[in-house]
Every structure is written in C-alpha cells, then in structure tokens.
Amino acid sequence: MKSAAASQIKPAEERELEKVAFYRKELARKRKIAEESCKIALAGKGPTAPVAPKHMTKPEEFKFETDARIKAPHPPPTVEEVKDFASCLRSDTGKQVGGIVGMECFFEFVQKRYTC
C-alpha cells in the first residue's frame, strides 16, 4: 500500500516542472494565435474615413402639454402708465397700513424708539 500511495504523491519540484511545461505550451499557443492575427491585420486595408451617420427616423417636433398654458407676454407699459418714483413717494394716497397712514406710522415708530 505504501508503494502505491508513494507513487501517486509527487514532490513539489516535479509539480513545479509540470506547471512550467504547461505554461510554456500555453505561451507557444498564444504566440501562434497572435502571429496569425498580426499577419491578417497587416494584410488588411488601412484606416478608413469616418462615415456620416444615416438618420433612420424622421425628427418630429415635440409638443409639451403645458405649452397651451403659457400666457401671451404683457405689452410694455405706455408713457402714461409709467409714474415718476419720487413723485409717488411724496403723494398722499391715503391708503391705510395697519390702521395708520404709512408715513405717520413711521414717525410714531421713530418717536417711540428714540424717546425715553
């Protein structure tokens, strides 16, 4: 029994030699394939000019559903509608702001703030 088991077990040196032989065969096979491929590549035509792509489909205008909701732009204001900013500040329109006229409210705030 020992002789049969001993014959199946190989020393590490023999296993390494088998691996080296296997890799040499693989390298020789791959070199042959690469050489054949190189011959084919050298025999072929050189690079060609780029070809313009062909349009396979017709381009169609895309319609957004929200386009109908867009309102027409407002016309520019006329000279009559444009008001002088300084004159608007000095005019008393009498609008109530929080129950007190705007400028009066400001003056009351200043008086309360800076008087003790």
PDB file of N, CA and C in Angstrom:
ATOM      1  N   MET A   1       0.806  -1.183   0.000  1.00  0.00           N
ATOM      2  CA  MET A   1       0.000   0.000   0.000  1.00  0.00           C
ATOM      3  C   MET A   1       0.860   1.263   0.000  1.00  0.00           C
ATOM      4  N   LYS A   2       1.901   1.204   0.764  1.00  0.00           N
ATOM      5  CA  LYS A   2       2.740   2.382   0.833  1.00  0.00           C
ATOM      6  C   LYS A   2       3.372   2.680  -0.521  1.00  0.00           C
ATOM      7  N   SER A   3       3.670   1.680  -1.288  1.00  0.00           N
ATOM      8  CA  SER A   3       4.297   1.905  -2.581  1.00  0.00           C
ATOM      9  C   SER A   3       3.323   2.557  -3.564  1.00  0.00           C
ATOM     10  N   ALA A   4       2.017   2.196  -3.514  1.00  0.00           N
ATOM     11  CA  ALA A   4       1.020   2.781  -4.410  1.00  0.00           C
ATOM     12  C   ALA A   4       0.769   4.249  -4.036  1.00  0.00           C
ATOM     13  N   ALA A   5       0.665   4.516  -2.738  1.00  0.00           N
ATOM     14  CA  ALA A   5       0.438   5.884  -2.281  1.00  0.00           C
ATOM     15  C   ALA A   5       1.672   6.740  -2.535  1.00  0.00           C
ATOM     16  N   ALA A   6       2.831   6.172  -2.374  1.00  0.00           N
ATOM     17  CA  ALA A   6       4.066   6.910  -2.585  1.00  0.00           C
ATOM     18  C   ALA A   6       4.251   7.247  -4.058  1.00  0.00           C
ATOM     19  N   SER A   7       3.762   6.393  -4.970  1.00  0.00           N
ATOM     20  CA  SER A   7       3.918   6.656  -6.402  1.00  0.00           C
ATOM     21  C   SER A   7       2.973   7.762  -6.863  1.00  0.00           C
ATOM     22  N   GLN A   8       1.819   7.931  -6.173  1.00  0.00           N
ATOM     23  CA  GLN A   8       0.869   8.989  -6.559  1.00  0.00           C
ATOM     24  C   GLN A   8       1.318  10.364  -6.069  1.00  0.00           C
ATOM     25  N   ILE A   9       1.995  10.427  -4.988  1.00  0.00           N
ATOM     26  CA  ILE A   9       2.436  11.703  -4.433  1.00  0.00           C
ATOM     27  C   ILE A   9       3.708  12.128  -5.159  1.00  0.00           C
ATOM     28  N   LYS A  10       3.685  13.359  -5.688  1.00  0.00           N
ATOM     29  CA  LYS A  10       4.843  13.879  -6.401  1.00  0.00           C
ATOM     30  C   LYS A  10       5.499  14.941  -5.534  1.00  0.00           C
ATOM     31  N   PRO A  11       6.775  15.021  -5.621  1.00  0.00           N
ATOM     32  CA  PRO A  11       7.464  16.069  -4.870  1.00  0.00           C
ATOM     33  C   PRO A  11       7.118  17.446  -5.468  1.00  0.00           C
ATOM     34  N   ALA A  12       7.314  18.477  -4.682  1.00  0.00           N
ATOM     35  CA  ALA A  12       6.986  19.837  -5.096  1.00  0.00           C
ATOM     36  C   ALA A  12       7.800  20.240  -6.329  1.00  0.00           C
ATOM     37  N   GLU A  13       9.007  19.739  -6.422  1.00  0.00           N
ATOM     38  CA  GLU A  13       9.859  20.092  -7.555  1.00  0.00           C
ATOM     39  C   GLU A  13       9.264  19.576  -8.865  1.00  0.00           C
ATOM     40  N   GLU A  14       8.737  18.361  -8.870  1.00  0.00           N
ATOM     41  CA  GLU A  14       8.129  17.786 -10.079  1.00  0.00           C
ATOM     42  C   GLU A  14       6.850  18.546 -10.452  1.00  0.00           C
ATOM     43  N   ARG A  15       6.048  18.912  -9.452  1.00  0.00           N
ATOM     44  CA  ARG A  15       4.820  19.677  -9.729  1.00  0.00           C
ATOM     45  C   ARG A  15       5.153  21.028 -10.354  1.00  0.00           C
ATOM     46  N   GLU A  16       6.212  21.663  -9.858  1.00  0.00           N
ATOM     47  CA  GLU A  16       6.616  22.946 -10.419  1.00  0.00           C
ATOM     48  C   GLU A  16       7.101  22.781 -11.854  1.00  0.00           C
ATOM     49  N   LEU A  17       7.836  21.718 -12.142  1.00  0.00           N
ATOM     50  CA  LEU A  17       8.300  21.475 -13.505  1.00  0.00           C
ATOM     51  C   LEU A  17       7.126  21.224 -14.446  1.00  0.00           C
ATOM     52  N   GLU A  18       6.105  20.530 -13.973  1.00  0.00           N
ATOM     53  CA  GLU A  18       4.904  20.301 -14.783  1.00  0.00           C
ATOM     54  C   GLU A  18       4.185  21.633 -15.063  1.00  0.00           C
ATOM     55  N   LYS A  19       4.100  22.494 -14.059  1.00  0.00           N
ATOM     56  CA  LYS A  19       3.466  23.807 -14.249  1.00  0.00           C
ATOM     57  C   LYS A  19       4.235  24.621 -15.280  1.00  0.00           C
ATOM     58  N   VAL A  20       5.573  24.591 -15.193  1.00  0.00           N
ATOM     59  CA  VAL A  20       6.397  25.338 -16.136  1.00  0.00           C
ATOM     60  C   VAL A  20       6.164  24.820 -17.546  1.00  0.00           C
ATOM     61  N   ALA A  21       6.105  23.505 -17.725  1.00  0.00           N
ATOM     62  CA  ALA A  21       5.879  22.918 -19.048  1.00  0.00           C
ATOM     63  C   ALA A  21       4.499  23.327 -19.574  1.00  0.00           C
ATOM     64  N   PHE A  22       3.501  23.300 -18.698  1.00  0.00           N
ATOM     65  CA  PHE A  22       2.142  23.690 -19.099  1.00  0.00           C
ATOM     66  C   PHE A  22       2.110  25.160 -19.554  1.00  0.00           C
ATOM     67  N   TYR A  23       2.726  26.046 -18.791  1.00  0.00           N
ATOM     68  CA  TYR A  23       2.717  27.468 -19.136  1.00  0.00           C
ATOM     69  C   TYR A  23       3.506  27.732 -20.422  1.00  0.00           C
ATOM     70  N   ARG A  24       4.569  26.969 -20.678  1.00  0.00           N
ATOM     71  CA  ARG A  24       5.321  27.130 -21.917  1.00  0.00           C
ATOM     72  C   ARG A  24       4.467  26.740 -23.127  1.00  0.00           C
ATOM     73  N   LYS A  25       3.704  25.655 -22.991  1.00  0.00           N
ATOM     74  CA  LYS A  25       2.809  25.239 -24.079  1.00  0.00           C
ATOM     75  C   LYS A  25       1.744  26.306 -24.332  1.00  0.00           C
ATOM     76  N   GLU A  26       1.174  26.848 -23.246  1.00  0.00           N
ATOM     77  CA  GLU A  26       0.150  27.898 -23.385  1.00  0.00           C
ATOM     78  C   GLU A  26       0.741  29.127 -24.069  1.00  0.00           C
ATOM     79  N   LEU A  27       1.947  29.513 -23.676  1.00  0.00           N
ATOM     80  CA  LEU A  27       2.591  30.674 -24.261  1.00  0.00           C
ATOM     81  C   LEU A  27       2.852  30.451 -25.749  1.00  0.00           C
ATOM     82  N   ALA A  28       3.308  29.265 -26.124  1.00  0.00           N
ATOM     83  CA  ALA A  28       3.566  28.960 -27.528  1.00  0.00           C
ATOM     84  C   ALA A  28       2.258  29.022 -28.329  1.00  0.00           C
ATOM     85  N   ARG A  29       1.170  28.504 -27.765  1.00  0.00           N
ATOM     86  CA  ARG A  29      -0.127  28.533 -28.455  1.00  0.00           C
ATOM     87  C   ARG A  29      -0.611  29.969 -28.641  1.00  0.00           C
ATOM     88  N   LYS A  30      -0.494  30.792 -27.614  1.00  0.00           N
ATOM     89  CA  LYS A  30      -0.950  32.178 -27.695  1.00  0.00           C
ATOM     90  C   LYS A  30      -0.089  32.993 -28.657  1.00  0.00           C
ATOM     91  N   ARG A  31       1.216  32.707 -28.705  1.00  0.00           N
ATOM     92  CA  ARG A  31       2.091  33.413 -29.646  1.00  0.00           C
ATOM     93  C   ARG A  31       1.707  33.081 -31.088  1.00  0.00           C
ATOM     94  N   LYS A  32       1.356  31.823 -31.334  1.00  0.00           N
ATOM     95  CA  LYS A  32       0.955  31.403 -32.673  1.00  0.00           C
ATOM     96  C   LYS A  32      -0.321  32.137 -33.088  1.00  0.00           C
ATOM     97  N   ILE A  33      -1.281  32.226 -32.167  1.00  0.00           N
ATOM     98  CA  ILE A  33      -2.536  32.931 -32.453  1.00  0.00           C
ATOM     99  C   ILE A  33      -2.257  34.414 -32.711  1.00  0.00           C
ATOM    100  N   ALA A  34      -1.389  35.017 -31.919  1.00  0.00           N
ATOM    101  CA  ALA A  34      -1.060  36.430 -32.078  1.00  0.00           C
ATOM    102  C   ALA A  34      -0.338  36.681 -33.399  1.00  0.00           C
ATOM    103  N   GLU A  35       0.512  35.769 -33.797  1.00  0.00           N
ATOM    104  CA  GLU A  35       1.234  35.912 -35.056  1.00  0.00           C
ATOM    105  C   GLU A  35       0.273  35.846 -36.234  1.00  0.00           C
ATOM    106  N   GLU A  36      -0.673  34.926 -36.189  1.00  0.00           N
ATOM    107  CA  GLU A  36      -1.674  34.818 -37.256  1.00  0.00           C
ATOM    108  C   GLU A  36      -2.535  36.084 -37.310  1.00  0.00           C
ATOM    109  N   SER A  37      -2.898  36.574 -36.153  1.00  0.00           N
ATOM    110  CA  SER A  37      -3.707  37.788 -36.088  1.00  0.00           C
ATOM    111  C   SER A  37      -2.942  38.991 -36.633  1.00  0.00           C
ATOM    112  N   CYS A  38      -1.650  39.062 -36.349  1.00  0.00           N
ATOM    113  CA  CYS A  38      -0.821  40.156 -36.830  1.00  0.00           C
ATOM    114  C   CYS A  38      -0.711  40.116 -38.349  1.00  0.00           C
ATOM    115  N   LYS A  39      -0.552  38.931 -38.938  1.00  0.00           N
ATOM    116  CA  LYS A  39      -0.472  38.798 -40.390  1.00  0.00           C
ATOM    117  C   LYS A  39      -1.760  39.286 -41.046  1.00  0.00           C
ATOM    118  N   ILE A  40      -2.901  38.916 -40.465  1.00  0.00           N
ATOM    119  CA  ILE A  40      -4.200  39.330 -41.009  1.00  0.00           C
ATOM    120  C   ILE A  40      -4.355  40.846 -40.914  1.00  0.00           C
ATOM    121  N   ALA A  41      -3.939  41.411 -39.785  1.00  0.00           N
ATOM    122  CA  ALA A  41      -4.070  42.852 -39.589  1.00  0.00           C
ATOM    123  C   ALA A  41      -3.182  43.625 -40.551  1.00  0.00           C
ATOM    124  N   LEU A  42      -1.960  43.140 -40.795  1.00  0.00           N
ATOM    125  CA  LEU A  42      -1.049  43.840 -41.700  1.00  0.00           C
ATOM    126  C   LEU A  42      -1.484  43.701 -43.157  1.00  0.00           C
ATOM    127  N   ALA A  43      -2.172  42.636 -43.495  1.00  0.00           N
ATOM    128  CA  ALA A  43      -2.627  42.428 -44.867  1.00  0.00           C
ATOM    129  C   ALA A  43      -3.881  43.250 -45.174  1.00  0.00           C
ATOM    130  N   GLY A  44      -4.592  43.666 -44.175  1.00  0.00           N
ATOM    131  CA  GLY A  44      -5.849  44.404 -44.375  1.00  0.00           C
ATOM    132  C   GLY A  44      -5.620  45.833 -44.813  1.00  0.00           C
ATOM    133  N   LYS A  45      -6.747  46.526 -45.109  1.00  0.00           N
ATOM    134  CA  LYS A  45      -6.683  47.929 -45.515  1.00  0.00           C
ATOM    135  C   LYS A  45      -6.348  48.803 -44.316  1.00  0.00           C
ATOM    136  N   GLY A  46      -5.896  50.016 -44.631  1.00  0.00           N
ATOM    137  CA  GLY A  46      -5.589  50.983 -43.584  1.00  0.00           C
ATOM    138  C   GLY A  46      -6.870  51.567 -43.007  1.00  0.00           C
ATOM    139  N   PRO A  47      -6.740  52.554 -42.151  1.00  0.00           N
ATOM    140  CA  PRO A  47      -7.932  53.155 -41.544  1.00  0.00           C
ATOM    141  C   PRO A  47      -8.765  53.874 -42.605  1.00  0.00           C
ATOM    142  N   THR A  48     -10.060  53.838 -42.430  1.00  0.00           N
ATOM    143  CA  THR A  48     -10.971  54.486 -43.367  1.00  0.00           C
ATOM    144  C   THR A  48     -11.472  55.790 -42.779  1.00  0.00           C
ATOM    145  N   ALA A  49     -11.978  56.647 -43.658  1.00  0.00           N
ATOM    146  CA  ALA A  49     -12.526  57.925 -43.211  1.00  0.00           C
ATOM    147  C   ALA A  49     -13.850  57.678 -42.486  1.00  0.00           C
ATOM    148  N   PRO A  50     -14.182  58.509 -41.523  1.00  0.00           N
ATOM    149  CA  PRO A  50     -15.453  58.306 -40.816  1.00  0.00           C
ATOM    150  C   PRO A  50     -16.634  58.515 -41.754  1.00  0.00           C
ATOM    151  N   VAL A  51     -17.647  57.727 -41.572  1.00  0.00           N
ATOM    152  CA  VAL A  51     -18.843  57.781 -42.401  1.00  0.00           C
ATOM    153  C   VAL A  51     -19.912  58.561 -41.647  1.00  0.00           C
ATOM    154  N   ALA A  52     -20.581  59.449 -42.360  1.00  0.00           N
ATOM    155  CA  ALA A  52     -21.646  60.239 -41.733  1.00  0.00           C
ATOM    156  C   ALA A  52     -22.802  59.311 -41.355  1.00  0.00           C
ATOM    157  N   PRO A  53     -23.365  59.502 -40.175  1.00  0.00           N
ATOM    158  CA  PRO A  53     -24.461  58.611 -39.763  1.00  0.00           C
ATOM    159  C   PRO A  53     -25.717  58.877 -40.588  1.00  0.00           C
ATOM    160  N   LYS A  54     -26.466  57.828 -40.855  1.00  0.00           N
ATOM    161  CA  LYS A  54     -27.721  57.948 -41.586  1.00  0.00           C
ATOM    162  C   LYS A  54     -28.849  58.092 -40.581  1.00  0.00           C
ATOM    163  N   HIS A  55     -29.752  59.002 -40.877  1.00  0.00           N
ATOM    164  CA  HIS A  55     -30.892  59.191 -39.986  1.00  0.00           C
ATOM    165  C   HIS A  55     -31.940  58.128 -40.296  1.00  0.00           C
ATOM    166  N   MET A  56     -32.220  57.301 -39.333  1.00  0.00           N
ATOM    167  CA  MET A  56     -33.162  56.210 -39.530  1.00  0.00           C
ATOM    168  C   MET A  56     -34.610  56.645 -39.304  1.00  0.00           C
ATOM    169  N   THR A  57     -34.807  57.661 -38.501  1.00  0.00           N
ATOM    170  CA  THR A  57     -36.164  58.109 -38.198  1.00  0.00           C
ATOM    171  C   THR A  57     -36.313  59.569 -38.567  1.00  0.00           C
ATOM    172  N   LYS A  58     -37.538  59.974 -38.776  1.00  0.00           N
ATOM    173  CA  LYS A  58     -37.809  61.371 -39.073  1.00  0.00           C
ATOM    174  C   LYS A  58     -37.896  62.143 -37.768  1.00  0.00           C
ATOM    175  N   PRO A  59     -37.210  63.257 -37.680  1.00  0.00           N
ATOM    176  CA  PRO A  59     -37.344  64.042 -36.452  1.00  0.00           C
ATOM    177  C   PRO A  59     -38.713  64.711 -36.410  1.00  0.00           C
ATOM    178  N   GLU A  60     -39.377  64.605 -35.267  1.00  0.00           N
ATOM    179  CA  GLU A  60     -40.695  65.209 -35.088  1.00  0.00           C
ATOM    180  C   GLU A  60     -40.619  66.257 -33.996  1.00  0.00           C
ATOM    181  N   GLU A  61     -41.384  67.309 -34.187  1.00  0.00           N
ATOM    182  CA  GLU A  61     -41.462  68.373 -33.190  1.00  0.00           C
ATOM    183  C   GLU A  61     -42.161  67.823 -31.956  1.00  0.00           C
ATOM    184  N   PHE A  62     -41.581  68.047 -30.796  1.00  0.00           N
ATOM    185  CA  PHE A  62     -42.192  67.577 -29.552  1.00  0.00           C
ATOM    186  C   PHE A  62     -43.108  68.661 -29.017  1.00  0.00           C
ATOM    187  N   LYS A  63     -44.315  68.273 -28.654  1.00  0.00           N
ATOM    188  CA  LYS A  63     -45.280  69.239 -28.152  1.00  0.00           C
ATOM    189  C   LYS A  63     -45.481  68.995 -26.670  1.00  0.00           C
ATOM    190  N   PHE A  64     -45.121  69.987 -25.875  1.00  0.00           N
ATOM    191  CA  PHE A  64     -45.348  69.902 -24.448  1.00  0.00           C
ATOM    192  C   PHE A  64     -46.813  70.176 -24.159  1.00  0.00           C
ATOM    193  N   GLU A  65     -47.372  69.465 -23.219  1.00  0.00           N
ATOM    194  CA  GLU A  65     -48.772  69.683 -22.852  1.00  0.00           C
ATOM    195  C   GLU A  65     -48.952  71.018 -22.146  1.00  0.00           C
ATOM    196  N   THR A  66     -47.898  71.540 -21.576  1.00  0.00           N
ATOM    197  CA  THR A  66     -48.019  72.798 -20.829  1.00  0.00           C
ATOM    198  C   THR A  66     -47.915  74.020 -21.725  1.00  0.00           C
ATOM    199  N   ASP A  67     -47.591  73.842 -23.013  1.00  0.00           N
ATOM    200  CA  ASP A  67     -47.469  74.982 -23.915  1.00  0.00           C
ATOM    201  C   ASP A  67     -48.762  75.774 -24.013  1.00  0.00           C
ATOM    202  N   ALA A  68     -49.891  75.104 -23.919  1.00  0.00           N
ATOM    203  CA  ALA A  68     -51.171  75.797 -24.029  1.00  0.00           C
ATOM    204  C   ALA A  68     -51.403  76.714 -22.829  1.00  0.00           C
ATOM    205  N   ARG A  69     -50.782  76.437 -21.717  1.00  0.00           N
ATOM    206  CA  ARG A  69     -50.988  77.238 -20.504  1.00  0.00           C
ATOM    207  C   ARG A  69     -50.159  78.520 -20.484  1.00  0.00           C
ATOM    208  N   ILE A  70     -49.191  78.630 -21.355  1.00  0.00           N
ATOM    209  CA  ILE A  70     -48.333  79.810 -21.356  1.00  0.00           C
ATOM    210  C   ILE A  70     -49.139  81.000 -21.863  1.00  0.00           C
ATOM    211  N   LYS A  71     -49.135  82.059 -21.107  1.00  0.00           N
ATOM    212  CA  LYS A  71     -49.895  83.247 -21.467  1.00  0.00           C
ATOM    213  C   LYS A  71     -49.066  84.133 -22.381  1.00  0.00           C
ATOM    214  N   ALA A  72     -49.785  84.972 -23.140  1.00  0.00           N
ATOM    215  CA  ALA A  72     -49.112  85.913 -24.026  1.00  0.00           C
ATOM    216  C   ALA A  72     -48.372  86.934 -23.176  1.00  0.00           C
ATOM    217  N   PRO A  73     -47.220  87.405 -23.634  1.00  0.00           N
ATOM    218  CA  PRO A  73     -46.475  88.389 -22.835  1.00  0.00           C
ATOM    219  C   PRO A  73     -47.245  89.702 -22.745  1.00  0.00           C
ATOM    220  N   HIS A  74     -47.091  90.358 -21.622  1.00  0.00           N
ATOM    221  CA  HIS A  74     -47.753  91.636 -21.408  1.00  0.00           C
ATOM    222  C   HIS A  74     -47.114  92.695 -22.303  1.00  0.00           C
ATOM    223  N   PRO A  75     -47.931  93.620 -22.845  1.00  0.00           N
ATOM    224  CA  PRO A  75     -47.335  94.682 -23.659  1.00  0.00           C
ATOM    225  C   PRO A  75     -46.547  95.629 -22.759  1.00  0.00           C
ATOM    226  N   PRO A  76     -45.533  96.260 -23.301  1.00  0.00           N
ATOM    227  CA  PRO A  76     -44.739  97.182 -22.472  1.00  0.00           C
ATOM    228  C   PRO A  76     -45.607  98.351 -22.013  1.00  0.00           C
ATOM    229  N   PRO A  77     -45.351  98.879 -20.823  1.00  0.00           N
ATOM    230  CA  PRO A  77     -46.181  99.966 -20.314  1.00  0.00           C
ATOM    231  C   PRO A  77     -45.998 101.239 -21.145  1.00  0.00           C
ATOM    232  N   THR A  78     -47.084 101.967 -21.290  1.00  0.00           N
ATOM    233  CA  THR A  78     -47.017 103.220 -22.044  1.00  0.00           C
ATOM    234  C   THR A  78     -46.438 104.310 -21.151  1.00  0.00           C
ATOM    235  N   VAL A  79     -46.165 105.446 -21.737  1.00  0.00           N
ATOM    236  CA  VAL A  79     -45.570 106.564 -21.006  1.00  0.00           C
ATOM    237  C   VAL A  79     -46.533 107.049 -19.922  1.00  0.00           C
ATOM    238  N   GLU A  80     -47.824 106.987 -20.197  1.00  0.00           N
ATOM    239  CA  GLU A  80     -48.819 107.441 -19.223  1.00  0.00           C
ATOM    240  C   GLU A  80     -48.832 106.552 -17.980  1.00  0.00           C
ATOM    241  N   GLU A  81     -48.600 105.253 -18.171  1.00  0.00           N
ATOM    242  CA  GLU A  81     -48.642 104.314 -17.049  1.00  0.00           C
ATOM    243  C   GLU A  81     -47.399 104.408 -16.174  1.00  0.00           C
ATOM    244  N   VAL A  82     -46.276 104.805 -16.760  1.00  0.00           N
ATOM    245  CA  VAL A  82     -45.032 104.899 -16.011  1.00  0.00           C
ATOM    246  C   VAL A  82     -45.113 106.134 -15.110  1.00  0.00           C
ATOM    247  N   LYS A  83     -44.913 105.942 -13.837  1.00  0.00           N
ATOM    248  CA  LYS A  83     -45.008 107.043 -12.876  1.00  0.00           C
ATOM    249  C   LYS A  83     -43.610 107.415 -12.401  1.00  0.00           C
ATOM    250  N   ASP A  84     -43.463 108.663 -12.066  1.00  0.00           N
ATOM    251  CA  ASP A  84     -42.205 109.140 -11.511  1.00  0.00           C
ATOM    252  C   ASP A  84     -42.082 108.605 -10.083  1.00  0.00           C
ATOM    253  N   PHE A  85     -40.983 107.939  -9.792  1.00  0.00           N
ATOM    254  CA  PHE A  85     -40.825 107.286  -8.494  1.00  0.00           C
ATOM    255  C   PHE A  85     -40.828 108.309  -7.352  1.00  0.00           C
ATOM    256  N   ALA A  86     -40.116 109.409  -7.534  1.00  0.00           N
ATOM    257  CA  ALA A  86     -40.037 110.412  -6.460  1.00  0.00           C
ATOM    258  C   ALA A  86     -41.405 111.033  -6.193  1.00  0.00           C
ATOM    259  N   SER A  87     -42.171 111.301  -7.229  1.00  0.00           N
ATOM    260  CA  SER A  87     -43.492 111.902  -7.006  1.00  0.00           C
ATOM    261  C   SER A  87     -44.438 110.907  -6.340  1.00  0.00           C
ATOM    262  N   CYS A  88     -44.265 109.607  -6.610  1.00  0.00           N
ATOM    263  CA  CYS A  88     -45.100 108.599  -5.953  1.00  0.00           C
ATOM    264  C   CYS A  88     -44.815 108.550  -4.456  1.00  0.00           C
ATOM    265  N   LEU A  89     -43.577 108.782  -4.076  1.00  0.00           N
ATOM    266  CA  LEU A  89     -43.234 108.740  -2.659  1.00  0.00           C
ATOM    267  C   LEU A  89     -43.828 109.920  -1.905  1.00  0.00           C
ATOM    268  N   ARG A  90     -43.911 111.058  -2.562  1.00  0.00           N
ATOM    269  CA  ARG A  90     -44.376 112.264  -1.879  1.00  0.00           C
ATOM    270  C   ARG A  90     -45.891 112.434  -1.941  1.00  0.00           C
ATOM    271  N   SER A  91     -46.551 111.660  -2.771  1.00  0.00           N
ATOM    272  CA  SER A  91     -48.004 111.827  -2.877  1.00  0.00           C
ATOM    273  C   SER A  91     -48.685 111.115  -1.715  1.00  0.00           C
ATOM    274  N   ASP A  92     -49.747 111.708  -1.225  1.00  0.00           N
ATOM    275  CA  ASP A  92     -50.511 111.118  -0.132  1.00  0.00           C
ATOM    276  C   ASP A  92     -51.739 110.461  -0.729  1.00  0.00           C
ATOM    277  N   THR A  93     -51.696 109.148  -0.842  1.00  0.00           N
ATOM    278  CA  THR A  93     -52.829 108.436  -1.419  1.00  0.00           C
ATOM    279  C   THR A  93     -53.874 108.129  -0.373  1.00  0.00           C
ATOM    280  N   GLY A  94     -53.531 108.210   0.871  1.00  0.00           N
ATOM    281  CA  GLY A  94     -54.489 107.964   1.939  1.00  0.00           C
ATOM    282  C   GLY A  94     -54.721 106.487   2.201  1.00  0.00           C
ATOM    283  N   LYS A  95     -53.853 105.636   1.720  1.00  0.00           N
ATOM    284  CA  LYS A  95     -54.012 104.199   1.972  1.00  0.00           C
ATOM    285  C   LYS A  95     -53.681 103.910   3.422  1.00  0.00           C
ATOM    286  N   GLN A  96     -54.441 103.067   4.010  1.00  0.00           N
ATOM    287  CA  GLN A  96     -54.235 102.697   5.404  1.00  0.00           C
ATOM    288  C   GLN A  96     -53.314 101.480   5.466  1.00  0.00           C
ATOM    289  N   VAL A  97     -52.316 101.561   6.313  1.00  0.00           N
ATOM    290  CA  VAL A  97     -51.406 100.438   6.524  1.00  0.00           C
ATOM    291  C   VAL A  97     -51.530 100.056   7.984  1.00  0.00           C
ATOM    292  N   GLY A  98     -52.185  98.982   8.245  1.00  0.00           N
ATOM    293  CA  GLY A  98     -52.336  98.518   9.622  1.00  0.00           C
ATOM    294  C   GLY A  98     -53.138  99.493  10.465  1.00  0.00           C
ATOM    295  N   GLY A  99     -54.043 100.233   9.865  1.00  0.00           N
ATOM    296  CA  GLY A  99     -54.884 101.150  10.621  1.00  0.00           C
ATOM    297  C   GLY A  99     -54.307 102.538  10.729  1.00  0.00           C
ATOM    298  N   ILE A 100     -53.065 102.775  10.354  1.00  0.00           N
ATOM    299  CA  ILE A 100     -52.427 104.091  10.450  1.00  0.00           C
ATOM    300  C   ILE A 100     -51.845 104.415   9.079  1.00  0.00           C
ATOM    301  N   VAL A 101     -51.889 105.672   8.668  1.00  0.00           N
ATOM    302  CA  VAL A 101     -51.319 106.077   7.389  1.00  0.00           C
ATOM    303  C   VAL A 101     -49.817 105.789   7.426  1.00  0.00           C
ATOM    304  N   GLY A 102     -49.265 105.330   6.315  1.00  0.00           N
ATOM    305  CA  GLY A 102     -47.896 104.827   6.240  1.00  0.00           C
ATOM    306  C   GLY A 102     -46.846 105.718   6.849  1.00  0.00           C
ATOM    307  N   MET A 103     -46.761 107.004   6.460  1.00  0.00           N
ATOM    308  CA  MET A 103     -45.705 107.885   6.966  1.00  0.00           C
ATOM    309  C   MET A 103     -45.916 108.208   8.438  1.00  0.00           C
ATOM    310  N   GLU A 104     -47.148 108.370   8.843  1.00  0.00           N
ATOM    311  CA  GLU A 104     -47.425 108.657  10.250  1.00  0.00           C
ATOM    312  C   GLU A 104     -46.977 107.490  11.122  1.00  0.00           C
ATOM    313  N   CYS A 105     -47.198 106.300  10.628  1.00  0.00           N
ATOM    314  CA  CYS A 105     -46.790 105.103  11.369  1.00  0.00           C
ATOM    315  C   CYS A 105     -45.276 105.108  11.572  1.00  0.00           C
ATOM    316  N   PHE A 106     -44.547 105.477  10.533  1.00  0.00           N
ATOM    317  CA  PHE A 106     -43.091 105.503  10.617  1.00  0.00           C
ATOM    318  C   PHE A 106     -42.623 106.537  11.646  1.00  0.00           C
ATOM    319  N   PHE A 107     -43.218 107.734  11.597  1.00  0.00           N
ATOM    320  CA  PHE A 107     -42.809 108.774  12.532  1.00  0.00           C
ATOM    321  C   PHE A 107     -43.129 108.385  13.971  1.00  0.00           C
ATOM    322  N   GLU A 108     -44.275 107.750  14.198  1.00  0.00           N
ATOM    323  CA  GLU A 108     -44.618 107.291  15.551  1.00  0.00           C
ATOM    324  C   GLU A 108     -43.623 106.252  16.036  1.00  0.00           C
ATOM    325  N   PHE A 109     -43.217 105.374  15.138  1.00  0.00           N
ATOM    326  CA  PHE A 109     -42.244 104.332  15.499  1.00  0.00           C
ATOM    327  C   PHE A 109     -40.919 104.984  15.910  1.00  0.00           C
ATOM    328  N   VAL A 110     -40.468 105.963  15.162  1.00  0.00           N
ATOM    329  CA  VAL A 110     -39.202 106.624  15.463  1.00  0.00           C
ATOM    330  C   VAL A 110     -39.279 107.358  16.787  1.00  0.00           C
ATOM    331  N   GLN A 111     -40.390 108.036  17.035  1.00  0.00           N
ATOM    332  CA  GLN A 111     -40.544 108.777  18.287  1.00  0.00           C
ATOM    333  C   GLN A 111     -40.543 107.823  19.489  1.00  0.00           C
ATOM    334  N   LYS A 112     -41.246 106.726  19.376  1.00  0.00           N
ATOM    335  CA  LYS A 112     -41.299 105.766  20.481  1.00  0.00           C
ATOM    336  C   LYS A 112     -39.933 105.140  20.717  1.00  0.00           C
ATOM    337  N   ARG A 113     -39.237 104.927  19.646  1.00  0.00           N
ATOM    338  CA  ARG A 113     -37.966 104.200  19.733  1.00  0.00           C
ATOM    339  C   ARG A 113     -36.862 105.050  20.389  1.00  0.00           C
ATOM    340  N   TYR A 114     -36.801 106.307  20.020  1.00  0.00           N
ATOM    341  CA  TYR A 114     -35.674 107.128  20.468  1.00  0.00           C
ATOM    342  C   TYR A 114     -36.004 108.115  21.576  1.00  0.00           C
ATOM    343  N   THR A 115     -37.197 108.097  22.104  1.00  0.00           N
ATOM    344  CA  THR A 115     -37.508 108.950  23.249  1.00  0.00           C
ATOM    345  C   THR A 115     -37.692 108.074  24.472  1.00  0.00           C
ATOM    346  N   CYS A 116     -37.229 108.544  25.555  1.00  0.00           N
ATOM    347  CA  CYS A 116     -37.311 107.739  26.763  1.00  0.00           C
ATOM    348  C   CYS A 116     -38.534 107.992  27.554  1.00  0.00           C
TER     349      CYS A 116
END
